[in-house]
Amino acid sequence: MKIDKGVVEYVAHLGRLALEPNEVELYTSQLNRILEYMDSLNTLDTEGVESTSHAVPVTCVLREDLAKDSFSVEESILNAPEKIGSSFKVPPIIEVEE
């Protein structure tokens, strides 16, 4: 076994987790099974297998970034409920103490 109860209890303490004794046993067993599986994967022959960072090809699905005309200031505030000059008027969010 690579992981013992002490390690599980220590990590639970770091994560501020209160584990019951049966949970400590369960997690110790589960973590050891995971590590045993990883050991079995380490025995596989990967000679000639190219390293990858993604299991499937990654492609950009975003449109090309092109500069184009936008709304004018006047057009952008046409439907504003309230405005001050060429700006939106919004309720204050910071109160100033005097």
PDB file of N, CA and C in Angstrom:
ATOM      1  N   MET A   1       0.850  -1.191   0.000  1.00  0.00           N
ATOM      2  CA  MET A   1       0.000   0.000   0.000  1.00  0.00           C
ATOM      3  C   MET A   1       0.886   1.242   0.000  1.00  0.00           C
ATOM      4  N   LYS A   2       0.550   2.169  -0.854  1.00  0.00           N
ATOM      5  CA  LYS A   2       1.333   3.400  -0.942  1.00  0.00           C
ATOM      6  C   LYS A   2       0.753   4.496  -0.056  1.00  0.00           C
ATOM      7  N   ILE A   3      -0.536   4.466   0.142  1.00  0.00           N
ATOM      8  CA  ILE A   3      -1.205   5.474   0.963  1.00  0.00           C
ATOM      9  C   ILE A   3      -1.684   4.784   2.230  1.00  0.00           C
ATOM     10  N   ASP A   4      -1.401   5.387   3.389  1.00  0.00           N
ATOM     11  CA  ASP A   4      -1.932   4.818   4.631  1.00  0.00           C
ATOM     12  C   ASP A   4      -2.936   5.770   5.260  1.00  0.00           C
ATOM     13  N   LYS A   5      -3.546   5.329   6.336  1.00  0.00           N
ATOM     14  CA  LYS A   5      -4.588   6.129   6.993  1.00  0.00           C
ATOM     15  C   LYS A   5      -4.055   7.496   7.427  1.00  0.00           C
ATOM     16  N   GLY A   6      -2.814   7.527   7.870  1.00  0.00           N
ATOM     17  CA  GLY A   6      -2.227   8.787   8.322  1.00  0.00           C
ATOM     18  C   GLY A   6      -2.196   9.833   7.217  1.00  0.00           C
ATOM     19  N   VAL A   7      -1.875   9.408   5.996  1.00  0.00           N
ATOM     20  CA  VAL A   7      -1.829  10.340   4.867  1.00  0.00           C
ATOM     21  C   VAL A   7      -3.231  10.865   4.565  1.00  0.00           C
ATOM     22  N   VAL A   8      -4.213   9.963   4.559  1.00  0.00           N
ATOM     23  CA  VAL A   8      -5.597  10.379   4.285  1.00  0.00           C
ATOM     24  C   VAL A   8      -6.081  11.338   5.364  1.00  0.00           C
ATOM     25  N   GLU A   9      -5.788  11.034   6.610  1.00  0.00           N
ATOM     26  CA  GLU A   9      -6.208  11.921   7.701  1.00  0.00           C
ATOM     27  C   GLU A   9      -5.514  13.282   7.610  1.00  0.00           C
ATOM     28  N   TYR A  10      -4.241  13.281   7.232  1.00  0.00           N
ATOM     29  CA  TYR A  10      -3.486  14.527   7.098  1.00  0.00           C
ATOM     30  C   TYR A  10      -4.070  15.398   5.976  1.00  0.00           C
ATOM     31  N   VAL A  11      -4.338  14.795   4.823  1.00  0.00           N
ATOM     32  CA  VAL A  11      -4.900  15.547   3.704  1.00  0.00           C
ATOM     33  C   VAL A  11      -6.303  16.036   4.053  1.00  0.00           C
ATOM     34  N   ALA A  12      -7.085  15.231   4.749  1.00  0.00           N
ATOM     35  CA  ALA A  12      -8.415  15.659   5.184  1.00  0.00           C
ATOM     36  C   ALA A  12      -8.295  16.851   6.133  1.00  0.00           C
ATOM     37  N   HIS A  13      -7.311  16.813   7.005  1.00  0.00           N
ATOM     38  CA  HIS A  13      -7.081  17.939   7.921  1.00  0.00           C
ATOM     39  C   HIS A  13      -6.728  19.204   7.146  1.00  0.00           C
ATOM     40  N   LEU A  14      -5.860  19.076   6.147  1.00  0.00           N
ATOM     41  CA  LEU A  14      -5.493  20.236   5.328  1.00  0.00           C
ATOM     42  C   LEU A  14      -6.702  20.810   4.601  1.00  0.00           C
ATOM     43  N   GLY A  15      -7.603  19.932   4.171  1.00  0.00           N
ATOM     44  CA  GLY A  15      -8.809  20.367   3.471  1.00  0.00           C
ATOM     45  C   GLY A  15      -9.949  20.711   4.411  1.00  0.00           C
ATOM     46  N   ARG A  16      -9.675  20.696   5.720  1.00  0.00           N
ATOM     47  CA  ARG A  16     -10.689  21.000   6.733  1.00  0.00           C
ATOM     48  C   ARG A  16     -11.906  20.082   6.592  1.00  0.00           C
ATOM     49  N   LEU A  17     -11.615  18.781   6.361  1.00  0.00           N
ATOM     50  CA  LEU A  17     -12.675  17.786   6.219  1.00  0.00           C
ATOM     51  C   LEU A  17     -12.717  16.927   7.474  1.00  0.00           C
ATOM     52  N   ALA A  18     -13.903  16.726   7.984  1.00  0.00           N
ATOM     53  CA  ALA A  18     -14.085  15.844   9.136  1.00  0.00           C
ATOM     54  C   ALA A  18     -14.538  14.488   8.604  1.00  0.00           C
ATOM     55  N   LEU A  19     -13.626  13.525   8.591  1.00  0.00           N
ATOM     56  CA  LEU A  19     -13.939  12.206   8.059  1.00  0.00           C
ATOM     57  C   LEU A  19     -14.233  11.233   9.194  1.00  0.00           C
ATOM     58  N   GLU A  20     -15.203  10.389   8.964  1.00  0.00           N
ATOM     59  CA  GLU A  20     -15.512   9.301   9.890  1.00  0.00           C
ATOM     60  C   GLU A  20     -14.462   8.205   9.692  1.00  0.00           C
ATOM     61  N   PRO A  21     -14.247   7.368  10.689  1.00  0.00           N
ATOM     62  CA  PRO A  21     -13.253   6.284  10.547  1.00  0.00           C
ATOM     63  C   PRO A  21     -13.515   5.378   9.344  1.00  0.00           C
ATOM     64  N   ASN A  22     -14.780   5.087   9.061  1.00  0.00           N
ATOM     65  CA  ASN A  22     -15.072   4.231   7.904  1.00  0.00           C
ATOM     66  C   ASN A  22     -14.752   4.947   6.588  1.00  0.00           C
ATOM     67  N   GLU A  23     -14.878   6.278   6.565  1.00  0.00           N
ATOM     68  CA  GLU A  23     -14.524   7.041   5.363  1.00  0.00           C
ATOM     69  C   GLU A  23     -13.018   7.028   5.144  1.00  0.00           C
ATOM     70  N   VAL A  24     -12.254   7.113   6.227  1.00  0.00           N
ATOM     71  CA  VAL A  24     -10.795   7.069   6.120  1.00  0.00           C
ATOM     72  C   VAL A  24     -10.378   5.730   5.502  1.00  0.00           C
ATOM     73  N   GLU A  25     -10.986   4.635   5.985  1.00  0.00           N
ATOM     74  CA  GLU A  25     -10.697   3.308   5.425  1.00  0.00           C
ATOM     75  C   GLU A  25     -11.060   3.247   3.948  1.00  0.00           C
ATOM     76  N   LEU A  26     -12.243   3.753   3.610  1.00  0.00           N
ATOM     77  CA  LEU A  26     -12.729   3.723   2.231  1.00  0.00           C
ATOM     78  C   LEU A  26     -11.805   4.510   1.311  1.00  0.00           C
ATOM     79  N   TYR A  27     -11.454   5.746   1.692  1.00  0.00           N
ATOM     80  CA  TYR A  27     -10.623   6.594   0.849  1.00  0.00           C
ATOM     81  C   TYR A  27      -9.205   6.045   0.733  1.00  0.00           C
ATOM     82  N   THR A  28      -8.694   5.448   1.812  1.00  0.00           N
ATOM     83  CA  THR A  28      -7.365   4.839   1.752  1.00  0.00           C
ATOM     84  C   THR A  28      -7.364   3.719   0.717  1.00  0.00           C
ATOM     85  N   SER A  29      -8.380   2.884   0.773  1.00  0.00           N
ATOM     86  CA  SER A  29      -8.497   1.778  -0.181  1.00  0.00           C
ATOM     87  C   SER A  29      -8.651   2.287  -1.612  1.00  0.00           C
ATOM     88  N   GLN A  30      -9.521   3.270  -1.807  1.00  0.00           N
ATOM     89  CA  GLN A  30      -9.758   3.803  -3.150  1.00  0.00           C
ATOM     90  C   GLN A  30      -8.504   4.450  -3.731  1.00  0.00           C
ATOM     91  N   LEU A  31      -7.809   5.236  -2.938  1.00  0.00           N
ATOM     92  CA  LEU A  31      -6.598   5.894  -3.422  1.00  0.00           C
ATOM     93  C   LEU A  31      -5.523   4.870  -3.773  1.00  0.00           C
ATOM     94  N   ASN A  32      -5.407   3.812  -2.983  1.00  0.00           N
ATOM     95  CA  ASN A  32      -4.425   2.780  -3.285  1.00  0.00           C
ATOM     96  C   ASN A  32      -4.771   2.042  -4.572  1.00  0.00           C
ATOM     97  N   ARG A  33      -6.060   1.787  -4.813  1.00  0.00           N
ATOM     98  CA  ARG A  33      -6.458   1.143  -6.067  1.00  0.00           C
ATOM     99  C   ARG A  33      -6.128   2.047  -7.259  1.00  0.00           C
ATOM    100  N   ILE A  34      -6.341   3.346  -7.111  1.00  0.00           N
ATOM    101  CA  ILE A  34      -6.004   4.287  -8.190  1.00  0.00           C
ATOM    102  C   ILE A  34      -4.509   4.259  -8.467  1.00  0.00           C
ATOM    103  N   LEU A  35      -3.698   4.283  -7.420  1.00  0.00           N
ATOM    104  CA  LEU A  35      -2.242   4.266  -7.600  1.00  0.00           C
ATOM    105  C   LEU A  35      -1.762   2.937  -8.195  1.00  0.00           C
ATOM    106  N   GLU A  36      -2.387   1.831  -7.817  1.00  0.00           N
ATOM    107  CA  GLU A  36      -2.028   0.539  -8.404  1.00  0.00           C
ATOM    108  C   GLU A  36      -2.346   0.542  -9.900  1.00  0.00           C
ATOM    109  N   TYR A  37      -3.468   1.122 -10.275  1.00  0.00           N
ATOM    110  CA  TYR A  37      -3.826   1.199 -11.688  1.00  0.00           C
ATOM    111  C   TYR A  37      -2.813   2.058 -12.447  1.00  0.00           C
ATOM    112  N   MET A  38      -2.410   3.168 -11.840  1.00  0.00           N
ATOM    113  CA  MET A  38      -1.411   4.028 -12.468  1.00  0.00           C
ATOM    114  C   MET A  38      -0.093   3.264 -12.650  1.00  0.00           C
ATOM    115  N   ASP A  39       0.270   2.439 -11.679  1.00  0.00           N
ATOM    116  CA  ASP A  39       1.475   1.622 -11.818  1.00  0.00           C
ATOM    117  C   ASP A  39       1.355   0.672 -12.995  1.00  0.00           C
ATOM    118  N   SER A  40       0.162   0.100 -13.184  1.00  0.00           N
ATOM    119  CA  SER A  40      -0.022  -0.813 -14.319  1.00  0.00           C
ATOM    120  C   SER A  40       0.079  -0.044 -15.639  1.00  0.00           C
ATOM    121  N   LEU A  41      -0.380   1.192 -15.660  1.00  0.00           N
ATOM    122  CA  LEU A  41      -0.242   2.007 -16.874  1.00  0.00           C
ATOM    123  C   LEU A  41       1.215   2.342 -17.149  1.00  0.00           C
ATOM    124  N   ASN A  42       1.997   2.513 -16.096  1.00  0.00           N
ATOM    125  CA  ASN A  42       3.419   2.834 -16.261  1.00  0.00           C
ATOM    126  C   ASN A  42       4.203   1.684 -16.878  1.00  0.00           C
ATOM    127  N   THR A  43       3.663   0.466 -16.842  1.00  0.00           N
ATOM    128  CA  THR A  43       4.378  -0.683 -17.412  1.00  0.00           C
ATOM    129  C   THR A  43       4.137  -0.814 -18.912  1.00  0.00           C
ATOM    130  N   LEU A  44       3.214  -0.048 -19.468  1.00  0.00           N
ATOM    131  CA  LEU A  44       2.909  -0.143 -20.897  1.00  0.00           C
ATOM    132  C   LEU A  44       4.056   0.398 -21.733  1.00  0.00           C
ATOM    133  N   ASP A  45       4.244  -0.219 -22.903  1.00  0.00           N
ATOM    134  CA  ASP A  45       5.282   0.225 -23.829  1.00  0.00           C
ATOM    135  C   ASP A  45       4.736   1.400 -24.638  1.00  0.00           C
ATOM    136  N   THR A  46       5.294   2.571 -24.428  1.00  0.00           N
ATOM    137  CA  THR A  46       4.838   3.770 -25.141  1.00  0.00           C
ATOM    138  C   THR A  46       5.891   4.260 -26.126  1.00  0.00           C
ATOM    139  N   GLU A  47       6.814   3.383 -26.458  1.00  0.00           N
ATOM    140  CA  GLU A  47       7.859   3.740 -27.420  1.00  0.00           C
ATOM    141  C   GLU A  47       7.209   4.072 -28.761  1.00  0.00           C
ATOM    142  N   GLY A  48       7.537   5.225 -29.317  1.00  0.00           N
ATOM    143  CA  GLY A  48       7.000   5.627 -30.609  1.00  0.00           C
ATOM    144  C   GLY A  48       5.649   6.328 -30.529  1.00  0.00           C
ATOM    145  N   VAL A  49       5.105   6.474 -29.333  1.00  0.00           N
ATOM    146  CA  VAL A  49       3.833   7.177 -29.188  1.00  0.00           C
ATOM    147  C   VAL A  49       4.145   8.647 -28.930  1.00  0.00           C
ATOM    148  N   GLU A  50       3.625   9.494 -29.788  1.00  0.00           N
ATOM    149  CA  GLU A  50       3.899  10.923 -29.676  1.00  0.00           C
ATOM    150  C   GLU A  50       3.143  11.518 -28.482  1.00  0.00           C
ATOM    151  N   SER A  51       3.824  12.345 -27.727  1.00  0.00           N
ATOM    152  CA  SER A  51       3.196  13.008 -26.585  1.00  0.00           C
ATOM    153  C   SER A  51       2.155  14.002 -27.069  1.00  0.00           C
ATOM    154  N   THR A  52       1.066  14.093 -26.338  1.00  0.00           N
ATOM    155  CA  THR A  52       0.007  15.048 -26.691  1.00  0.00           C
ATOM    156  C   THR A  52      -0.448  15.782 -25.435  1.00  0.00           C
ATOM    157  N   SER A  53      -1.018  16.934 -25.651  1.00  0.00           N
ATOM    158  CA  SER A  53      -1.577  17.668 -24.519  1.00  0.00           C
ATOM    159  C   SER A  53      -3.093  17.543 -24.496  1.00  0.00           C
ATOM    160  N   HIS A  54      -3.690  17.083 -25.610  1.00  0.00           N
ATOM    161  CA  HIS A  54      -5.143  16.922 -25.699  1.00  0.00           C
ATOM    162  C   HIS A  54      -5.448  15.585 -26.377  1.00  0.00           C
ATOM    163  N   ALA A  55      -6.519  14.960 -25.960  1.00  0.00           N
ATOM    164  CA  ALA A  55      -6.894  13.669 -26.539  1.00  0.00           C
ATOM    165  C   ALA A  55      -7.444  13.815 -27.950  1.00  0.00           C
ATOM    166  N   VAL A  56      -8.043  14.950 -28.239  1.00  0.00           N
ATOM    167  CA  VAL A  56      -8.597  15.206 -29.571  1.00  0.00           C
ATOM    168  C   VAL A  56      -7.987  16.496 -30.105  1.00  0.00           C
ATOM    169  N   PRO A  57      -7.949  16.674 -31.417  1.00  0.00           N
ATOM    170  CA  PRO A  57      -7.375  17.907 -31.971  1.00  0.00           C
ATOM    171  C   PRO A  57      -8.153  19.146 -31.500  1.00  0.00           C
ATOM    172  N   VAL A  58      -7.425  20.184 -31.187  1.00  0.00           N
ATOM    173  CA  VAL A  58      -8.038  21.425 -30.729  1.00  0.00           C
ATOM    174  C   VAL A  58      -8.060  22.409 -31.890  1.00  0.00           C
ATOM    175  N   THR A  59      -9.234  22.925 -32.189  1.00  0.00           N
ATOM    176  CA  THR A  59      -9.357  23.918 -33.247  1.00  0.00           C
ATOM    177  C   THR A  59     -10.073  25.142 -32.692  1.00  0.00           C
ATOM    178  N   CYS A  60      -9.779  26.276 -33.266  1.00  0.00           N
ATOM    179  CA  CYS A  60     -10.413  27.521 -32.834  1.00  0.00           C
ATOM    180  C   CYS A  60     -11.769  27.637 -33.522  1.00  0.00           C
ATOM    181  N   VAL A  61     -12.825  27.754 -32.716  1.00  0.00           N
ATOM    182  CA  VAL A  61     -14.172  27.846 -33.281  1.00  0.00           C
ATOM    183  C   VAL A  61     -14.660  29.291 -33.345  1.00  0.00           C
ATOM    184  N   LEU A  62     -13.794  30.221 -32.991  1.00  0.00           N
ATOM    185  CA  LEU A  62     -14.182  31.620 -33.009  1.00  0.00           C
ATOM    186  C   LEU A  62     -13.986  32.203 -34.408  1.00  0.00           C
ATOM    187  N   ARG A  63     -14.748  33.224 -34.687  1.00  0.00           N
ATOM    188  CA  ARG A  63     -14.630  33.874 -35.994  1.00  0.00           C
ATOM    189  C   ARG A  63     -13.318  34.653 -36.068  1.00  0.00           C
ATOM    190  N   GLU A  64     -12.929  34.984 -37.264  1.00  0.00           N
ATOM    191  CA  GLU A  64     -11.727  35.782 -37.451  1.00  0.00           C
ATOM    192  C   GLU A  64     -11.963  37.172 -36.870  1.00  0.00           C
ATOM    193  N   ASP A  65     -10.976  37.710 -36.224  1.00  0.00           N
ATOM    194  CA  ASP A  65     -11.095  39.016 -35.592  1.00  0.00           C
ATOM    195  C   ASP A  65     -10.849  40.097 -36.638  1.00  0.00           C
ATOM    196  N   LEU A  66     -11.925  40.722 -37.081  1.00  0.00           N
ATOM    197  CA  LEU A  66     -11.822  41.758 -38.098  1.00  0.00           C
ATOM    198  C   LEU A  66     -12.345  43.083 -37.552  1.00  0.00           C
ATOM    199  N   ALA A  67     -11.670  44.153 -37.893  1.00  0.00           N
ATOM    200  CA  ALA A  67     -12.143  45.484 -37.508  1.00  0.00           C
ATOM    201  C   ALA A  67     -13.297  45.864 -38.422  1.00  0.00           C
ATOM    202  N   LYS A  68     -14.372  46.391 -37.833  1.00  0.00           N
ATOM    203  CA  LYS A  68     -15.500  46.831 -38.655  1.00  0.00           C
ATOM    204  C   LYS A  68     -16.159  48.022 -37.972  1.00  0.00           C
ATOM    205  N   ASP A  69     -17.009  48.692 -38.687  1.00  0.00           N
ATOM    206  CA  ASP A  69     -17.678  49.864 -38.145  1.00  0.00           C
ATOM    207  C   ASP A  69     -18.550  49.476 -36.963  1.00  0.00           C
ATOM    208  N   SER A  70     -18.663  50.394 -36.009  1.00  0.00           N
ATOM    209  CA  SER A  70     -19.450  50.159 -34.817  1.00  0.00           C
ATOM    210  C   SER A  70     -20.488  51.260 -34.685  1.00  0.00           C
ATOM    211  N   PHE A  71     -21.279  51.192 -33.610  1.00  0.00           N
ATOM    212  CA  PHE A  71     -22.260  52.241 -33.355  1.00  0.00           C
ATOM    213  C   PHE A  71     -21.556  53.554 -33.031  1.00  0.00           C
ATOM    214  N   SER A  72     -22.177  54.645 -33.414  1.00  0.00           N
ATOM    215  CA  SER A  72     -21.676  55.941 -32.977  1.00  0.00           C
ATOM    216  C   SER A  72     -22.132  56.150 -31.538  1.00  0.00           C
ATOM    217  N   VAL A  73     -21.560  57.126 -30.857  1.00  0.00           N
ATOM    218  CA  VAL A  73     -21.949  57.416 -29.479  1.00  0.00           C
ATOM    219  C   VAL A  73     -23.436  57.738 -29.413  1.00  0.00           C
ATOM    220  N   GLU A  74     -23.919  58.507 -30.331  1.00  0.00           N
ATOM    221  CA  GLU A  74     -25.331  58.887 -30.330  1.00  0.00           C
ATOM    222  C   GLU A  74     -26.231  57.660 -30.510  1.00  0.00           C
ATOM    223  N   GLU A  75     -25.865  56.767 -31.416  1.00  0.00           N
ATOM    224  CA  GLU A  75     -26.655  55.551 -31.640  1.00  0.00           C
ATOM    225  C   GLU A  75     -26.648  54.639 -30.414  1.00  0.00           C
ATOM    226  N   SER A  76     -25.524  54.581 -29.717  1.00  0.00           N
ATOM    227  CA  SER A  76     -25.422  53.657 -28.589  1.00  0.00           C
ATOM    228  C   SER A  76     -26.252  54.097 -27.390  1.00  0.00           C
ATOM    229  N   ILE A  77     -26.572  55.374 -27.259  1.00  0.00           N
ATOM    230  CA  ILE A  77     -27.368  55.826 -26.110  1.00  0.00           C
ATOM    231  C   ILE A  77     -28.819  56.146 -26.480  1.00  0.00           C
ATOM    232  N   LEU A  78     -29.236  55.814 -27.705  1.00  0.00           N
ATOM    233  CA  LEU A  78     -30.601  56.122 -28.131  1.00  0.00           C
ATOM    234  C   LEU A  78     -31.654  55.515 -27.220  1.00  0.00           C
ATOM    235  N   ASN A  79     -31.494  54.272 -26.795  1.00  0.00           N
ATOM    236  CA  ASN A  79     -32.494  53.582 -25.983  1.00  0.00           C
ATOM    237  C   ASN A  79     -32.201  53.620 -24.492  1.00  0.00           C
ATOM    238  N   ALA A  80     -31.246  54.430 -24.079  1.00  0.00           N
ATOM    239  CA  ALA A  80     -30.917  54.516 -22.659  1.00  0.00           C
ATOM    240  C   ALA A  80     -32.077  55.129 -21.895  1.00  0.00           C
ATOM    241  N   PRO A  81     -32.475  54.532 -20.760  1.00  0.00           N
ATOM    242  CA  PRO A  81     -33.563  55.102 -19.973  1.00  0.00           C
ATOM    243  C   PRO A  81     -33.247  56.521 -19.490  1.00  0.00           C
ATOM    244  N   GLU A  82     -32.001  56.714 -19.080  1.00  0.00           N
ATOM    245  CA  GLU A  82     -31.569  58.037 -18.641  1.00  0.00           C
ATOM    246  C   GLU A  82     -30.149  58.263 -19.138  1.00  0.00           C
ATOM    247  N   LYS A  83     -29.840  59.488 -19.480  1.00  0.00           N
ATOM    248  CA  LYS A  83     -28.493  59.794 -19.960  1.00  0.00           C
ATOM    249  C   LYS A  83     -28.086  61.188 -19.506  1.00  0.00           C
ATOM    250  N   ILE A  84     -26.789  61.368 -19.432  1.00  0.00           N
ATOM    251  CA  ILE A  84     -26.206  62.667 -19.121  1.00  0.00           C
ATOM    252  C   ILE A  84     -25.233  62.960 -20.251  1.00  0.00           C
ATOM    253  N   GLY A  85     -25.577  63.895 -21.095  1.00  0.00           N
ATOM    254  CA  GLY A  85     -24.742  64.188 -22.257  1.00  0.00           C
ATOM    255  C   GLY A  85     -24.672  62.962 -23.150  1.00  0.00           C
ATOM    256  N   SER A  86     -23.470  62.444 -23.356  1.00  0.00           N
ATOM    257  CA  SER A  86     -23.302  61.271 -24.201  1.00  0.00           C
ATOM    258  C   SER A  86     -22.999  60.014 -23.377  1.00  0.00           C
ATOM    259  N   SER A  87     -23.393  59.999 -22.091  1.00  0.00           N
ATOM    260  CA  SER A  87     -23.130  58.862 -21.204  1.00  0.00           C
ATOM    261  C   SER A  87     -24.430  58.319 -20.625  1.00  0.00           C
ATOM    262  N   PHE A  88     -24.421  57.043 -20.238  1.00  0.00           N
ATOM    263  CA  PHE A  88     -25.542  56.442 -19.529  1.00  0.00           C
ATOM    264  C   PHE A  88     -25.573  56.972 -18.109  1.00  0.00           C
ATOM    265  N   LYS A  89     -26.765  57.274 -17.600  1.00  0.00           N
ATOM    266  CA  LYS A  89     -26.906  57.668 -16.199  1.00  0.00           C
ATOM    267  C   LYS A  89     -27.313  56.419 -15.434  1.00  0.00           C
ATOM    268  N   VAL A  90     -26.525  56.076 -14.411  1.00  0.00           N
ATOM    269  CA  VAL A  90     -26.796  54.894 -13.595  1.00  0.00           C
ATOM    270  C   VAL A  90     -26.872  55.296 -12.136  1.00  0.00           C
ATOM    271  N   PRO A  91     -27.562  54.492 -11.318  1.00  0.00           N
ATOM    272  CA  PRO A  91     -27.627  54.812  -9.888  1.00  0.00           C
ATOM    273  C   PRO A  91     -26.244  54.726  -9.252  1.00  0.00           C
ATOM    274  N   PRO A  92     -25.984  55.553  -8.269  1.00  0.00           N
ATOM    275  CA  PRO A  92     -24.678  55.491  -7.603  1.00  0.00           C
ATOM    276  C   PRO A  92     -24.541  54.175  -6.834  1.00  0.00           C
ATOM    277  N   ILE A  93     -23.333  53.626  -6.818  1.00  0.00           N
ATOM    278  CA  ILE A  93     -23.103  52.377  -6.100  1.00  0.00           C
ATOM    279  C   ILE A  93     -22.154  52.561  -4.919  1.00  0.00           C
ATOM    280  N   ILE A  94     -21.557  53.714  -4.797  1.00  0.00           N
ATOM    281  CA  ILE A  94     -20.646  53.986  -3.689  1.00  0.00           C
ATOM    282  C   ILE A  94     -21.182  55.200  -2.960  1.00  0.00           C
ATOM    283  N   GLU A  95     -21.402  55.011  -1.667  1.00  0.00           N
ATOM    284  CA  GLU A  95     -21.883  56.140  -0.855  1.00  0.00           C
ATOM    285  C   GLU A  95     -20.672  56.840  -0.245  1.00  0.00           C
ATOM    286  N   VAL A  96     -20.723  58.158  -0.293  1.00  0.00           N
ATOM    287  CA  VAL A  96     -19.625  58.958   0.255  1.00  0.00           C
ATOM    288  C   VAL A  96     -20.058  59.454   1.629  1.00  0.00           C
ATOM    289  N   GLU A  97     -19.251  59.147   2.631  1.00  0.00           N
ATOM    290  CA  GLU A  97     -19.542  59.634   3.976  1.00  0.00           C
ATOM    291  C   GLU A  97     -18.971  61.036   4.128  1.00  0.00           C
ATOM    292  N   GLU A  98     -19.744  61.894   4.726  1.00  0.00           N
ATOM    293  CA  GLU A  98     -19.262  63.270   4.927  1.00  0.00           C
ATOM    294  C   GLU A  98     -19.023  63.555   6.365  1.00  0.00           C
TER     295      GLU A  98
END
